[in-house]
Amino acid sequence: MRDSDLASVDARLATRLAELRDERGWSLDELATRTGVSRSTLSRLERAEISPTAALLGRLCTAYERTMSRLLAEIESGGEPAQLVRAAEQGVWTDTASGFERRSVSPPHPGLRAEIVEGVLRPGADIAYEEPPVAGLEHHVWLREGALEVTVQGRAHRLAPGDCLRYRLYGTSRFHCPGPEAARYAVVVVLP
């Protein structure tokens, strides 16, 4: 993704995050209390001065009770998504700080409960989420390449290519790529 494309995504994301806070009537202080993220970081994020990490975006998604896919779909241009989602039209979001790239293969769609996300973690990447954006969210994690350690509510699972881990998420989760190569995986996310 080009730097100009990344800046455009960050700007649209910043605008949407500010809109979500405004819709709820929350001050930056209120959002900081709800997320455990400093007021100054939230302010800089809403002004597109910084790009969010996956963990930070996860905290905000939890506060706003929406999946990351839904939030990212809300900032994509266009109206109702088509039934066929061409590879060139699939939204990609990159967290360069953590080494995580996320492709929305089958983005959220009104009336459908499932979506497919492709994740790529560089070797050593480690992303932790404090809680799910929606309690009881169902995940099916299918590792395609590399090695991946997924910890769900304190229980660690090491996946090899072809393995699939299925769970409902009510608490913490963590995705770690121990290397030596990047981990490429698909996640089917199903709303409860």
C-alpha atoms as a PDB file:
ATOM      1  CA  MET A   1       0.000   0.000   0.000  1.00  0.00           C
ATOM      2  CA  ARG A   2       1.364   3.428  -0.946  1.00  0.00           C
ATOM      3  CA  ASP A   3       1.993   6.055   1.747  1.00  0.00           C
ATOM      4  CA  SER A   4      -0.717   8.295   0.249  1.00  0.00           C
ATOM      5  CA  ASP A   5      -3.246   5.437   0.406  1.00  0.00           C
ATOM      6  CA  LEU A   6      -2.298   4.719   4.029  1.00  0.00           C
ATOM      7  CA  ALA A   7      -2.663   8.411   4.922  1.00  0.00           C
ATOM      8  CA  SER A   8      -6.103   8.459   3.297  1.00  0.00           C
ATOM      9  CA  VAL A   9      -7.230   5.408   5.298  1.00  0.00           C
ATOM     10  CA  ASP A  10      -5.872   6.963   8.512  1.00  0.00           C
ATOM     11  CA  ALA A  11      -7.709  10.234   7.782  1.00  0.00           C
ATOM     12  CA  ARG A  12     -11.040   8.462   7.137  1.00  0.00           C
ATOM     13  CA  LEU A  13     -10.522   6.321  10.238  1.00  0.00           C
ATOM     14  CA  ALA A  14      -9.779   9.403  12.352  1.00  0.00           C
ATOM     15  CA  THR A  15     -12.961  11.084  11.122  1.00  0.00           C
ATOM     16  CA  ARG A  16     -15.086   8.001  11.830  1.00  0.00           C
ATOM     17  CA  LEU A  17     -13.652   7.565  15.331  1.00  0.00           C
ATOM     18  CA  ALA A  18     -14.449  11.197  16.130  1.00  0.00           C
ATOM     19  CA  GLU A  19     -17.991  10.693  14.770  1.00  0.00           C
ATOM     20  CA  LEU A  20     -18.540   7.612  16.932  1.00  0.00           C
ATOM     21  CA  ARG A  21     -17.434   9.478  20.058  1.00  0.00           C
ATOM     22  CA  ASP A  22     -19.636  12.442  19.141  1.00  0.00           C
ATOM     23  CA  GLU A  23     -22.667  10.180  18.472  1.00  0.00           C
ATOM     24  CA  ARG A  24     -22.403   8.902  22.042  1.00  0.00           C
ATOM     25  CA  GLY A  25     -21.909  12.353  23.523  1.00  0.00           C
ATOM     26  CA  TRP A  26     -18.606  11.301  25.104  1.00  0.00           C
ATOM     27  CA  SER A  27     -15.799  13.691  25.862  1.00  0.00           C
ATOM     28  CA  LEU A  28     -12.218  12.641  25.224  1.00  0.00           C
ATOM     29  CA  ASP A  29     -11.889  12.195  28.995  1.00  0.00           C
ATOM     30  CA  GLU A  30     -14.899   9.833  29.053  1.00  0.00           C
ATOM     31  CA  LEU A  31     -13.473   7.778  26.173  1.00  0.00           C
ATOM     32  CA  ALA A  32     -10.074   7.695  27.880  1.00  0.00           C
ATOM     33  CA  THR A  33     -11.707   6.301  31.022  1.00  0.00           C
ATOM     34  CA  ARG A  34     -13.629   3.670  29.046  1.00  0.00           C
ATOM     35  CA  THR A  35     -10.602   2.499  27.026  1.00  0.00           C
ATOM     36  CA  GLY A  36      -7.606   3.089  29.286  1.00  0.00           C
ATOM     37  CA  VAL A  37      -6.010   5.108  26.460  1.00  0.00           C
ATOM     38  CA  SER A  38      -4.683   8.569  27.287  1.00  0.00           C
ATOM     39  CA  ARG A  39      -6.709  11.602  26.291  1.00  0.00           C
ATOM     40  CA  SER A  40      -3.775  13.012  24.329  1.00  0.00           C
ATOM     41  CA  THR A  41      -3.374   9.802  22.303  1.00  0.00           C
ATOM     42  CA  LEU A  42      -7.094   9.759  21.505  1.00  0.00           C
ATOM     43  CA  SER A  43      -6.979  13.410  20.479  1.00  0.00           C
ATOM     44  CA  ARG A  44      -3.980  12.840  18.189  1.00  0.00           C
ATOM     45  CA  LEU A  45      -5.689   9.781  16.724  1.00  0.00           C
ATOM     46  CA  GLU A  46      -8.890  11.700  15.931  1.00  0.00           C
ATOM     47  CA  ARG A  47      -6.800  14.403  14.229  1.00  0.00           C
ATOM     48  CA  ALA A  48      -4.985  11.712  12.152  1.00  0.00           C
ATOM     49  CA  GLU A  49      -1.643  12.742  13.636  1.00  0.00           C
ATOM     50  CA  ILE A  50      -0.904   9.113  14.523  1.00  0.00           C
ATOM     51  CA  SER A  51      -1.925   5.739  13.128  1.00  0.00           C
ATOM     52  CA  PRO A  52      -3.595   3.346  15.559  1.00  0.00           C
ATOM     53  CA  THR A  53      -2.002   0.039  16.464  1.00  0.00           C
ATOM     54  CA  ALA A  54      -4.122  -3.100  16.272  1.00  0.00           C
ATOM     55  CA  ALA A  55      -4.312  -3.226  20.089  1.00  0.00           C
ATOM     56  CA  LEU A  56      -5.447   0.414  20.307  1.00  0.00           C
ATOM     57  CA  LEU A  57      -8.032  -0.114  17.589  1.00  0.00           C
ATOM     58  CA  GLY A  58      -9.209  -3.205  19.459  1.00  0.00           C
ATOM     59  CA  ARG A  59      -9.813  -1.141  22.609  1.00  0.00           C
ATOM     60  CA  LEU A  60     -11.772   1.456  20.651  1.00  0.00           C
ATOM     61  CA  CYS A  61     -13.837  -1.215  18.893  1.00  0.00           C
ATOM     62  CA  THR A  62     -14.727  -2.661  22.284  1.00  0.00           C
ATOM     63  CA  ALA A  63     -15.819   0.753  23.575  1.00  0.00           C
ATOM     64  CA  TYR A  64     -17.930   1.299  20.452  1.00  0.00           C
ATOM     65  CA  GLU A  65     -19.236  -2.310  20.458  1.00  0.00           C
ATOM     66  CA  ARG A  66     -18.275  -3.127  16.883  1.00  0.00           C
ATOM     67  CA  THR A  67     -15.844  -5.496  15.253  1.00  0.00           C
ATOM     68  CA  MET A  68     -12.697  -4.113  13.664  1.00  0.00           C
ATOM     69  CA  SER A  69     -14.022  -5.283  10.293  1.00  0.00           C
ATOM     70  CA  ARG A  70     -17.214  -3.338  10.745  1.00  0.00           C
ATOM     71  CA  LEU A  71     -15.336  -0.194  11.714  1.00  0.00           C
ATOM     72  CA  LEU A  72     -13.007  -0.505   8.729  1.00  0.00           C
ATOM     73  CA  ALA A  73     -15.953  -1.228   6.401  1.00  0.00           C
ATOM     74  CA  GLU A  74     -17.610   1.978   7.623  1.00  0.00           C
ATOM     75  CA  ILE A  75     -14.696   4.039   6.316  1.00  0.00           C
ATOM     76  CA  GLU A  76     -14.620   2.429   2.872  1.00  0.00           C
ATOM     77  CA  SER A  77     -16.179   4.466   0.120  1.00  0.00           C
ATOM     78  CA  GLY A  78     -19.223   3.258  -1.740  1.00  0.00           C
ATOM     79  CA  GLY A  79     -22.672   2.048  -0.826  1.00  0.00           C
ATOM     80  CA  GLU A  80     -24.014  -1.438  -0.321  1.00  0.00           C
ATOM     81  CA  PRO A  81     -21.267  -4.071  -0.770  1.00  0.00           C
ATOM     82  CA  ALA A  82     -21.624  -6.368  -3.768  1.00  0.00           C
ATOM     83  CA  GLN A  83     -22.036 -10.105  -3.351  1.00  0.00           C
ATOM     84  CA  LEU A  84     -18.782 -10.678  -5.230  1.00  0.00           C
ATOM     85  CA  VAL A  85     -15.792  -9.004  -3.587  1.00  0.00           C
ATOM     86  CA  ARG A  86     -12.884  -8.893  -6.016  1.00  0.00           C
ATOM     87  CA  ALA A  87      -9.373  -9.167  -4.568  1.00  0.00           C
ATOM     88  CA  ALA A  88      -8.553  -5.649  -5.764  1.00  0.00           C
ATOM     89  CA  GLU A  89     -11.575  -4.295  -3.842  1.00  0.00           C
ATOM     90  CA  GLN A  90     -10.769  -5.940  -0.509  1.00  0.00           C
ATOM     91  CA  GLY A  91      -9.777  -3.365   2.084  1.00  0.00           C
ATOM     92  CA  VAL A  92      -6.308  -3.717   3.581  1.00  0.00           C
ATOM     93  CA  TRP A  93      -5.235  -2.118   6.849  1.00  0.00           C
ATOM     94  CA  THR A  94      -1.660  -2.241   8.095  1.00  0.00           C
ATOM     95  CA  ASP A  95      -0.315  -1.744  11.608  1.00  0.00           C
ATOM     96  CA  THR A  96       3.349  -1.168  10.827  1.00  0.00           C
ATOM     97  CA  ALA A  97       4.244  -0.803  14.521  1.00  0.00           C
ATOM     98  CA  SER A  98       3.191  -4.362  15.372  1.00  0.00           C
ATOM     99  CA  GLY A  99       3.868  -5.996  12.009  1.00  0.00           C
ATOM    100  CA  PHE A 100       0.225  -6.857  11.280  1.00  0.00           C
ATOM    101  CA  GLU A 101      -1.576  -6.643   7.942  1.00  0.00           C
ATOM    102  CA  ARG A 102      -5.327  -7.242   7.788  1.00  0.00           C
ATOM    103  CA  ARG A 103      -7.319  -7.857   4.598  1.00  0.00           C
ATOM    104  CA  SER A 104     -11.117  -7.828   4.675  1.00  0.00           C
ATOM    105  CA  VAL A 105     -11.748 -10.724   2.270  1.00  0.00           C
ATOM    106  CA  SER A 106     -15.504 -10.840   2.902  1.00  0.00           C
ATOM    107  CA  PRO A 107     -16.383  -7.576   4.658  1.00  0.00           C
ATOM    108  CA  PRO A 108     -19.312  -7.158   7.034  1.00  0.00           C
ATOM    109  CA  HIS A 109     -22.654  -6.898   5.282  1.00  0.00           C
ATOM    110  CA  PRO A 110     -26.085  -6.018   6.683  1.00  0.00           C
ATOM    111  CA  GLY A 111     -28.091  -9.156   7.242  1.00  0.00           C
ATOM    112  CA  LEU A 112     -25.059 -11.457   7.291  1.00  0.00           C
ATOM    113  CA  ARG A 113     -23.467 -12.602  10.525  1.00  0.00           C
ATOM    114  CA  ALA A 114     -20.116 -13.866   9.202  1.00  0.00           C
ATOM    115  CA  GLU A 115     -17.091 -12.268   7.584  1.00  0.00           C
ATOM    116  CA  ILE A 116     -13.667 -13.501   6.499  1.00  0.00           C
ATOM    117  CA  VAL A 117     -10.451 -11.725   7.405  1.00  0.00           C
ATOM    118  CA  GLU A 118      -6.944 -12.593   6.245  1.00  0.00           C
ATOM    119  CA  GLY A 119      -4.149 -11.743   8.650  1.00  0.00           C
ATOM    120  CA  VAL A 120      -0.416 -11.639   8.099  1.00  0.00           C
ATOM    121  CA  LEU A 121       1.919 -11.303  11.090  1.00  0.00           C
ATOM    122  CA  ARG A 122       5.635 -10.764  10.562  1.00  0.00           C
ATOM    123  CA  PRO A 123       8.028 -12.912  12.636  1.00  0.00           C
ATOM    124  CA  GLY A 124       8.037 -11.760  16.252  1.00  0.00           C
ATOM    125  CA  ALA A 125       4.762  -9.841  15.930  1.00  0.00           C
ATOM    126  CA  ASP A 126       2.596 -10.043  19.036  1.00  0.00           C
ATOM    127  CA  ILE A 127      -0.892  -8.523  19.316  1.00  0.00           C
ATOM    128  CA  ALA A 128      -2.986  -8.739  22.480  1.00  0.00           C
ATOM    129  CA  TYR A 129      -6.652  -7.803  22.855  1.00  0.00           C
ATOM    130  CA  GLU A 130      -8.077  -7.158  26.318  1.00  0.00           C
ATOM    131  CA  GLU A 131     -11.637  -8.126  25.428  1.00  0.00           C
ATOM    132  CA  PRO A 132     -13.752  -8.823  22.350  1.00  0.00           C
ATOM    133  CA  PRO A 133     -15.691  -5.980  20.749  1.00  0.00           C
ATOM    134  CA  VAL A 134     -18.810  -8.160  21.048  1.00  0.00           C
ATOM    135  CA  ALA A 135     -19.085 -10.821  23.771  1.00  0.00           C
ATOM    136  CA  GLY A 136     -19.459 -14.339  22.397  1.00  0.00           C
ATOM    137  CA  LEU A 137     -17.920 -13.504  19.034  1.00  0.00           C
ATOM    138  CA  GLU A 138     -17.184 -16.769  17.226  1.00  0.00           C
ATOM    139  CA  HIS A 139     -13.773 -17.194  15.534  1.00  0.00           C
ATOM    140  CA  HIS A 140     -12.462 -19.927  13.252  1.00  0.00           C
ATOM    141  CA  VAL A 141      -8.716 -19.314  12.770  1.00  0.00           C
ATOM    142  CA  TRP A 142      -7.219 -21.280   9.859  1.00  0.00           C
ATOM    143  CA  LEU A 143      -3.440 -21.085   9.510  1.00  0.00           C
ATOM    144  CA  ARG A 144      -2.266 -21.144   5.888  1.00  0.00           C
ATOM    145  CA  GLU A 145       1.504 -20.474   6.208  1.00  0.00           C
ATOM    146  CA  GLY A 146       4.105 -20.177   8.967  1.00  0.00           C
ATOM    147  CA  ALA A 147       3.507 -20.752  12.670  1.00  0.00           C
ATOM    148  CA  LEU A 148       0.989 -19.002  14.883  1.00  0.00           C
ATOM    149  CA  GLU A 149       0.372 -19.002  18.629  1.00  0.00           C
ATOM    150  CA  VAL A 150      -3.155 -17.998  19.603  1.00  0.00           C
ATOM    151  CA  THR A 151      -4.004 -17.538  23.268  1.00  0.00           C
ATOM    152  CA  VAL A 152      -7.699 -17.443  24.099  1.00  0.00           C
ATOM    153  CA  GLN A 153      -8.742 -16.499  27.620  1.00  0.00           C
ATOM    154  CA  GLY A 154      -5.402 -17.661  29.026  1.00  0.00           C
ATOM    155  CA  ARG A 155      -5.117 -20.925  27.090  1.00  0.00           C
ATOM    156  CA  ALA A 156      -2.343 -21.046  24.462  1.00  0.00           C
ATOM    157  CA  HIS A 157      -2.636 -22.955  21.183  1.00  0.00           C
ATOM    158  CA  ARG A 158       0.196 -23.434  18.689  1.00  0.00           C
ATOM    159  CA  LEU A 159      -1.024 -23.815  15.116  1.00  0.00           C
ATOM    160  CA  ALA A 160       0.811 -25.371  12.162  1.00  0.00           C
ATOM    161  CA  PRO A 161      -0.213 -24.865   8.515  1.00  0.00           C
ATOM    162  CA  GLY A 162      -3.645 -26.363   7.897  1.00  0.00           C
ATOM    163  CA  ASP A 163      -4.705 -26.293  11.573  1.00  0.00           C
ATOM    164  CA  CYS A 164      -7.972 -24.598  12.515  1.00  0.00           C
ATOM    165  CA  LEU A 165      -8.757 -23.230  15.985  1.00  0.00           C
ATOM    166  CA  ARG A 166     -12.446 -22.562  16.802  1.00  0.00           C
ATOM    167  CA  TYR A 167     -13.751 -20.652  19.807  1.00  0.00           C
ATOM    168  CA  ARG A 168     -16.235 -18.164  21.196  1.00  0.00           C
ATOM    169  CA  LEU A 169     -14.520 -15.139  22.644  1.00  0.00           C
ATOM    170  CA  TYR A 170     -15.530 -13.692  25.999  1.00  0.00           C
ATOM    171  CA  GLY A 171     -12.186 -12.469  27.344  1.00  0.00           C
ATOM    172  CA  THR A 172      -8.603 -11.802  26.341  1.00  0.00           C
ATOM    173  CA  SER A 173      -6.907 -13.038  23.197  1.00  0.00           C
ATOM    174  CA  ARG A 174      -3.412 -12.842  21.751  1.00  0.00           C
ATOM    175  CA  PHE A 175      -1.907 -13.587  18.335  1.00  0.00           C
ATOM    176  CA  HIS A 176       1.859 -14.200  18.149  1.00  0.00           C
ATOM    177  CA  CYS A 177       4.075 -15.214  15.237  1.00  0.00           C
ATOM    178  CA  PRO A 178       7.124 -17.019  16.624  1.00  0.00           C
ATOM    179  CA  GLY A 179       8.761 -17.119  13.161  1.00  0.00           C
ATOM    180  CA  PRO A 180      11.057 -17.750  11.451  1.00  0.00           C
ATOM    181  CA  GLU A 181       8.667 -16.800   8.625  1.00  0.00           C
ATOM    182  CA  ALA A 182       5.503 -14.695   8.566  1.00  0.00           C
ATOM    183  CA  ALA A 183       2.210 -16.275   9.609  1.00  0.00           C
ATOM    184  CA  ARG A 184      -0.630 -16.021   7.068  1.00  0.00           C
ATOM    185  CA  TYR A 185      -4.054 -17.054   8.320  1.00  0.00           C
ATOM    186  CA  ALA A 186      -7.755 -16.628   7.725  1.00  0.00           C
ATOM    187  CA  VAL A 187     -10.299 -15.868  10.410  1.00  0.00           C
ATOM    188  CA  VAL A 188     -14.002 -16.471   9.940  1.00  0.00           C
ATOM    189  CA  VAL A 189     -15.756 -14.106  12.355  1.00  0.00           C
ATOM    190  CA  VAL A 190     -19.396 -14.842  13.224  1.00  0.00           C
ATOM    191  CA  LEU A 191     -21.536 -12.487  15.279  1.00  0.00           C
ATOM    192  CA  PRO A 192     -23.461 -14.147  18.136  1.00  0.00           C
END
